[in-house]
Amino acid sequence: MVKRKAENKKKETKYKRRTKEGKREKPNKTTKAAIKEGNRIATNKEIKGSHSLDELKKDLGLEVD
């Protein structure tokens, strides 16, 4: 049972991005701004979203294949 807990812990930490020194990476200003904008768009009900490229093209008035 102890062995399984250790294996699970390895899986959790395996995918965290770290620098060569072992520190966690911090996103730069551009990435932070993009994440913030994406969250704003995702949570704002007034902003229209599209579920497919054809729907997006139609909304933009472009020719749909």
PDB file of N, CA and C in Angstrom:
ATOM      1  N   MET A   1       0.820  -1.192   0.000  1.00  0.00           N
ATOM      2  CA  MET A   1       0.000   0.000   0.000  1.00  0.00           C
ATOM      3  C   MET A   1       0.866   1.258   0.000  1.00  0.00           C
ATOM      4  N   VAL A   2       1.943   1.248   0.715  1.00  0.00           N
ATOM      5  CA  VAL A   2       2.843   2.396   0.749  1.00  0.00           C
ATOM      6  C   VAL A   2       3.461   2.616  -0.624  1.00  0.00           C
ATOM      7  N   LYS A   3       3.766   1.535  -1.307  1.00  0.00           N
ATOM      8  CA  LYS A   3       4.371   1.639  -2.625  1.00  0.00           C
ATOM      9  C   LYS A   3       3.428   2.340  -3.603  1.00  0.00           C
ATOM     10  N   ARG A   4       2.136   2.040  -3.555  1.00  0.00           N
ATOM     11  CA  ARG A   4       1.169   2.684  -4.448  1.00  0.00           C
ATOM     12  C   ARG A   4       1.098   4.182  -4.203  1.00  0.00           C
ATOM     13  N   LYS A   5       1.115   4.597  -2.945  1.00  0.00           N
ATOM     14  CA  LYS A   5       1.080   6.023  -2.637  1.00  0.00           C
ATOM     15  C   LYS A   5       2.293   6.722  -3.242  1.00  0.00           C
ATOM     16  N   ALA A   6       3.439   6.107  -3.152  1.00  0.00           N
ATOM     17  CA  ALA A   6       4.649   6.693  -3.723  1.00  0.00           C
ATOM     18  C   ALA A   6       4.539   6.782  -5.238  1.00  0.00           C
ATOM     19  N   GLU A   7       3.974   5.760  -5.881  1.00  0.00           N
ATOM     20  CA  GLU A   7       3.804   5.784  -7.333  1.00  0.00           C
ATOM     21  C   GLU A   7       2.852   6.893  -7.747  1.00  0.00           C
ATOM     22  N   ASN A   8       1.751   7.057  -7.008  1.00  0.00           N
ATOM     23  CA  ASN A   8       0.799   8.119  -7.312  1.00  0.00           C
ATOM     24  C   ASN A   8       1.441   9.489  -7.160  1.00  0.00           C
ATOM     25  N   LYS A   9       2.260   9.651  -6.151  1.00  0.00           N
ATOM     26  CA  LYS A   9       2.926  10.933  -5.937  1.00  0.00           C
ATOM     27  C   LYS A   9       3.875  11.236  -7.096  1.00  0.00           C
ATOM     28  N   LYS A  10       4.565  10.238  -7.600  1.00  0.00           N
ATOM     29  CA  LYS A  10       5.451  10.434  -8.743  1.00  0.00           C
ATOM     30  C   LYS A  10       4.662  10.897  -9.954  1.00  0.00           C
ATOM     31  N   LYS A  11       3.503  10.311 -10.195  1.00  0.00           N
ATOM     32  CA  LYS A  11       2.679  10.694 -11.339  1.00  0.00           C
ATOM     33  C   LYS A  11       2.213  12.134 -11.219  1.00  0.00           C
ATOM     34  N   GLU A  12       1.850  12.569 -10.004  1.00  0.00           N
ATOM     35  CA  GLU A  12       1.381  13.934  -9.805  1.00  0.00           C
ATOM     36  C   GLU A  12       2.471  14.945 -10.128  1.00  0.00           C
ATOM     37  N   THR A  13       3.681  14.705  -9.666  1.00  0.00           N
ATOM     38  CA  THR A  13       4.758  15.671  -9.848  1.00  0.00           C
ATOM     39  C   THR A  13       5.447  15.537 -11.201  1.00  0.00           C
ATOM     40  N   LYS A  14       5.198  14.458 -11.915  1.00  0.00           N
ATOM     41  CA  LYS A  14       5.884  14.205 -13.179  1.00  0.00           C
ATOM     42  C   LYS A  14       5.582  15.273 -14.225  1.00  0.00           C
ATOM     43  N   TYR A  15       4.358  15.782 -14.249  1.00  0.00           N
ATOM     44  CA  TYR A  15       3.948  16.663 -15.326  1.00  0.00           C
ATOM     45  C   TYR A  15       4.050  18.151 -14.992  1.00  0.00           C
ATOM     46  N   LYS A  16       4.505  18.508 -13.809  1.00  0.00           N
ATOM     47  CA  LYS A  16       4.674  19.915 -13.472  1.00  0.00           C
ATOM     48  C   LYS A  16       5.943  20.424 -14.140  1.00  0.00           C
ATOM     49  N   ARG A  17       5.838  21.580 -14.775  1.00  0.00           N
ATOM     50  CA  ARG A  17       7.000  22.121 -15.472  1.00  0.00           C
ATOM     51  C   ARG A  17       7.949  22.755 -14.473  1.00  0.00           C
ATOM     52  N   ARG A  18       9.190  22.400 -14.577  1.00  0.00           N
ATOM     53  CA  ARG A  18      10.204  22.940 -13.680  1.00  0.00           C
ATOM     54  C   ARG A  18      11.439  23.334 -14.484  1.00  0.00           C
ATOM     55  N   THR A  19      12.173  24.286 -13.941  1.00  0.00           N
ATOM     56  CA  THR A  19      13.416  24.715 -14.569  1.00  0.00           C
ATOM     57  C   THR A  19      14.514  23.722 -14.221  1.00  0.00           C
ATOM     58  N   LYS A  20      15.693  23.940 -14.753  1.00  0.00           N
ATOM     59  CA  LYS A  20      16.821  23.053 -14.460  1.00  0.00           C
ATOM     60  C   LYS A  20      17.180  23.078 -12.979  1.00  0.00           C
ATOM     61  N   GLU A  21      16.930  24.218 -12.333  1.00  0.00           N
ATOM     62  CA  GLU A  21      17.242  24.349 -10.912  1.00  0.00           C
ATOM     63  C   GLU A  21      16.178  23.701 -10.026  1.00  0.00           C
ATOM     64  N   GLY A  22      15.088  23.233 -10.625  1.00  0.00           N
ATOM     65  CA  GLY A  22      14.033  22.587  -9.868  1.00  0.00           C
ATOM     66  C   GLY A  22      12.909  23.520  -9.451  1.00  0.00           C
ATOM     67  N   LYS A  23      12.995  24.779  -9.849  1.00  0.00           N
ATOM     68  CA  LYS A  23      11.944  25.736  -9.505  1.00  0.00           C
ATOM     69  C   LYS A  23      10.806  25.621 -10.505  1.00  0.00           C
ATOM     70  N   ARG A  24       9.583  25.929 -10.054  1.00  0.00           N
ATOM     71  CA  ARG A  24       8.434  25.903 -10.963  1.00  0.00           C
ATOM     72  C   ARG A  24       8.513  27.079 -11.910  1.00  0.00           C
ATOM     73  N   GLU A  25       8.165  26.836 -13.172  1.00  0.00           N
ATOM     74  CA  GLU A  25       8.170  27.913 -14.160  1.00  0.00           C
ATOM     75  C   GLU A  25       7.008  28.849 -13.913  1.00  0.00           C
ATOM     76  N   LYS A  26       7.233  30.144 -14.142  1.00  0.00           N
ATOM     77  CA  LYS A  26       6.170  31.137 -14.038  1.00  0.00           C
ATOM     78  C   LYS A  26       5.886  31.651 -15.442  1.00  0.00           C
ATOM     79  N   PRO A  27       4.610  31.802 -15.802  1.00  0.00           N
ATOM     80  CA  PRO A  27       4.292  32.315 -17.138  1.00  0.00           C
ATOM     81  C   PRO A  27       4.731  33.767 -17.286  1.00  0.00           C
ATOM     82  N   ASN A  28       5.128  34.147 -18.508  1.00  0.00           N
ATOM     83  CA  ASN A  28       5.532  35.527 -18.750  1.00  0.00           C
ATOM     84  C   ASN A  28       4.302  36.420 -18.867  1.00  0.00           C
ATOM     85  N   LYS A  29       4.507  37.720 -19.058  1.00  0.00           N
ATOM     86  CA  LYS A  29       3.405  38.690 -19.085  1.00  0.00           C
ATOM     87  C   LYS A  29       2.414  38.395 -20.201  1.00  0.00           C
ATOM     88  N   THR A  30       2.908  38.022 -21.376  1.00  0.00           N
ATOM     89  CA  THR A  30       2.032  37.735 -22.515  1.00  0.00           C
ATOM     90  C   THR A  30       1.138  36.534 -22.223  1.00  0.00           C
ATOM     91  N   THR A  31       1.720  35.495 -21.662  1.00  0.00           N
ATOM     92  CA  THR A  31       0.955  34.297 -21.335  1.00  0.00           C
ATOM     93  C   THR A  31      -0.081  34.595 -20.256  1.00  0.00           C
ATOM     94  N   LYS A  32       0.317  35.362 -19.232  1.00  0.00           N
ATOM     95  CA  LYS A  32      -0.624  35.731 -18.172  1.00  0.00           C
ATOM     96  C   LYS A  32      -1.799  36.514 -18.742  1.00  0.00           C
ATOM     97  N   ALA A  33      -1.511  37.458 -19.649  1.00  0.00           N
ATOM     98  CA  ALA A  33      -2.572  38.265 -20.262  1.00  0.00           C
ATOM     99  C   ALA A  33      -3.504  37.393 -21.100  1.00  0.00           C
ATOM    100  N   ALA A  34      -2.941  36.435 -21.842  1.00  0.00           N
ATOM    101  CA  ALA A  34      -3.756  35.542 -22.677  1.00  0.00           C
ATOM    102  C   ALA A  34      -4.655  34.659 -21.813  1.00  0.00           C
ATOM    103  N   ILE A  35      -4.133  34.156 -20.715  1.00  0.00           N
ATOM    104  CA  ILE A  35      -4.927  33.330 -19.805  1.00  0.00           C
ATOM    105  C   ILE A  35      -6.056  34.156 -19.198  1.00  0.00           C
ATOM    106  N   LYS A  36      -5.725  35.369 -18.779  1.00  0.00           N
ATOM    107  CA  LYS A  36      -6.731  36.254 -18.183  1.00  0.00           C
ATOM    108  C   LYS A  36      -7.839  36.569 -19.191  1.00  0.00           C
ATOM    109  N   GLU A  37      -7.454  36.877 -20.439  1.00  0.00           N
ATOM    110  CA  GLU A  37      -8.439  37.176 -21.481  1.00  0.00           C
ATOM    111  C   GLU A  37      -9.298  35.951 -21.792  1.00  0.00           C
ATOM    112  N   GLY A  38      -8.684  34.794 -21.872  1.00  0.00           N
ATOM    113  CA  GLY A  38      -9.427  33.561 -22.133  1.00  0.00           C
ATOM    114  C   GLY A  38     -10.443  33.269 -21.046  1.00  0.00           C
ATOM    115  N   ASN A  39     -10.045  33.463 -19.802  1.00  0.00           N
ATOM    116  CA  ASN A  39     -10.978  33.258 -18.691  1.00  0.00           C
ATOM    117  C   ASN A  39     -12.120  34.265 -18.737  1.00  0.00           C
ATOM    118  N   ARG A  40     -11.814  35.511 -19.103  1.00  0.00           N
ATOM    119  CA  ARG A  40     -12.841  36.546 -19.202  1.00  0.00           C
ATOM    120  C   ARG A  40     -13.847  36.183 -20.291  1.00  0.00           C
ATOM    121  N   ILE A  41     -13.355  35.760 -21.435  1.00  0.00           N
ATOM    122  CA  ILE A  41     -14.231  35.384 -22.550  1.00  0.00           C
ATOM    123  C   ILE A  41     -15.061  34.151 -22.188  1.00  0.00           C
ATOM    124  N   ALA A  42     -14.444  33.195 -21.532  1.00  0.00           N
ATOM    125  CA  ALA A  42     -15.139  31.950 -21.190  1.00  0.00           C
ATOM    126  C   ALA A  42     -16.261  32.166 -20.179  1.00  0.00           C
ATOM    127  N   THR A  43     -16.105  33.140 -19.297  1.00  0.00           N
ATOM    128  CA  THR A  43     -17.105  33.347 -18.254  1.00  0.00           C
ATOM    129  C   THR A  43     -18.127  34.422 -18.594  1.00  0.00           C
ATOM    130  N   ASN A  44     -17.907  35.215 -19.642  1.00  0.00           N
ATOM    131  CA  ASN A  44     -18.818  36.296 -20.006  1.00  0.00           C
ATOM    132  C   ASN A  44     -19.894  35.754 -20.943  1.00  0.00           C
ATOM    133  N   LYS A  45     -21.135  35.789 -20.492  1.00  0.00           N
ATOM    134  CA  LYS A  45     -22.255  35.250 -21.277  1.00  0.00           C
ATOM    135  C   LYS A  45     -22.626  36.154 -22.450  1.00  0.00           C
ATOM    136  N   GLU A  46     -22.202  37.416 -22.442  1.00  0.00           N
ATOM    137  CA  GLU A  46     -22.546  38.348 -23.515  1.00  0.00           C
ATOM    138  C   GLU A  46     -21.682  38.151 -24.761  1.00  0.00           C
ATOM    139  N   ILE A  47     -20.550  37.503 -24.613  1.00  0.00           N
ATOM    140  CA  ILE A  47     -19.655  37.268 -25.742  1.00  0.00           C
ATOM    141  C   ILE A  47     -20.105  36.002 -26.457  1.00  0.00           C
ATOM    142  N   LYS A  48     -20.391  36.139 -27.764  1.00  0.00           N
ATOM    143  CA  LYS A  48     -20.864  34.997 -28.543  1.00  0.00           C
ATOM    144  C   LYS A  48     -19.686  34.091 -28.885  1.00  0.00           C
ATOM    145  N   GLY A  49     -19.894  32.820 -28.726  1.00  0.00           N
ATOM    146  CA  GLY A  49     -18.879  31.841 -29.062  1.00  0.00           C
ATOM    147  C   GLY A  49     -19.358  30.939 -30.182  1.00  0.00           C
ATOM    148  N   SER A  50     -18.435  30.280 -30.849  1.00  0.00           N
ATOM    149  CA  SER A  50     -18.766  29.353 -31.930  1.00  0.00           C
ATOM    150  C   SER A  50     -18.296  27.960 -31.536  1.00  0.00           C
ATOM    151  N   HIS A  51     -19.065  26.966 -31.953  1.00  0.00           N
ATOM    152  CA  HIS A  51     -18.714  25.587 -31.626  1.00  0.00           C
ATOM    153  C   HIS A  51     -18.028  24.866 -32.780  1.00  0.00           C
ATOM    154  N   SER A  52     -17.974  25.499 -33.947  1.00  0.00           N
ATOM    155  CA  SER A  52     -17.303  24.879 -35.086  1.00  0.00           C
ATOM    156  C   SER A  52     -16.752  25.981 -35.991  1.00  0.00           C
ATOM    157  N   LEU A  53     -15.832  25.612 -36.859  1.00  0.00           N
ATOM    158  CA  LEU A  53     -15.271  26.588 -37.798  1.00  0.00           C
ATOM    159  C   LEU A  53     -16.316  27.066 -38.789  1.00  0.00           C
ATOM    160  N   ASP A  54     -17.203  26.175 -39.212  1.00  0.00           N
ATOM    161  CA  ASP A  54     -18.266  26.579 -40.143  1.00  0.00           C
ATOM    162  C   ASP A  54     -19.180  27.623 -39.503  1.00  0.00           C
ATOM    163  N   GLU A  55     -19.519  27.425 -38.243  1.00  0.00           N
ATOM    164  CA  GLU A  55     -20.358  28.385 -37.522  1.00  0.00           C
ATOM    165  C   GLU A  55     -19.635  29.729 -37.382  1.00  0.00           C
ATOM    166  N   LEU A  56     -18.345  29.688 -37.091  1.00  0.00           N
ATOM    167  CA  LEU A  56     -17.558  30.915 -36.967  1.00  0.00           C
ATOM    168  C   LEU A  56     -17.500  31.661 -38.294  1.00  0.00           C
ATOM    169  N   LYS A  57     -17.238  30.937 -39.387  1.00  0.00           N
ATOM    170  CA  LYS A  57     -17.187  31.562 -40.712  1.00  0.00           C
ATOM    171  C   LYS A  57     -18.525  32.201 -41.061  1.00  0.00           C
ATOM    172  N   LYS A  58     -19.615  31.517 -40.746  1.00  0.00           N
ATOM    173  CA  LYS A  58     -20.950  32.043 -41.020  1.00  0.00           C
ATOM    174  C   LYS A  58     -21.182  33.333 -40.231  1.00  0.00           C
ATOM    175  N   ASP A  59     -20.801  33.342 -38.951  1.00  0.00           N
ATOM    176  CA  ASP A  59     -20.962  34.525 -38.104  1.00  0.00           C
ATOM    177  C   ASP A  59     -20.121  35.697 -38.596  1.00  0.00           C
ATOM    178  N   LEU A  60     -18.967  35.398 -39.183  1.00  0.00           N
ATOM    179  CA  LEU A  60     -18.085  36.452 -39.692  1.00  0.00           C
ATOM    180  C   LEU A  60     -18.450  36.886 -41.106  1.00  0.00           C
ATOM    181  N   GLY A  61     -19.417  36.207 -41.711  1.00  0.00           N
ATOM    182  CA  GLY A  61     -19.844  36.550 -43.061  1.00  0.00           C
ATOM    183  C   GLY A  61     -18.910  36.033 -44.135  1.00  0.00           C
ATOM    184  N   LEU A  62     -18.168  34.994 -43.817  1.00  0.00           N
ATOM    185  CA  LEU A  62     -17.250  34.394 -44.784  1.00  0.00           C
ATOM    186  C   LEU A  62     -17.924  33.221 -45.480  1.00  0.00           C
ATOM    187  N   GLU A  63     -17.368  32.842 -46.616  1.00  0.00           N
ATOM    188  CA  GLU A  63     -17.919  31.726 -47.385  1.00  0.00           C
ATOM    189  C   GLU A  63     -17.666  30.409 -46.657  1.00  0.00           C
ATOM    190  N   VAL A  64     -18.726  29.629 -46.485  1.00  0.00           N
ATOM    191  CA  VAL A  64     -18.624  28.325 -45.833  1.00  0.00           C
ATOM    192  C   VAL A  64     -18.517  27.262 -46.910  1.00  0.00           C
ATOM    193  N   ASP A  65     -17.546  26.366 -46.770  1.00  0.00           N
ATOM    194  CA  ASP A  65     -17.331  25.304 -47.767  1.00  0.00           C
ATOM    195  C   ASP A  65     -18.480  24.352 -47.829  1.00  0.00           C
TER     196      ASP A  65
END
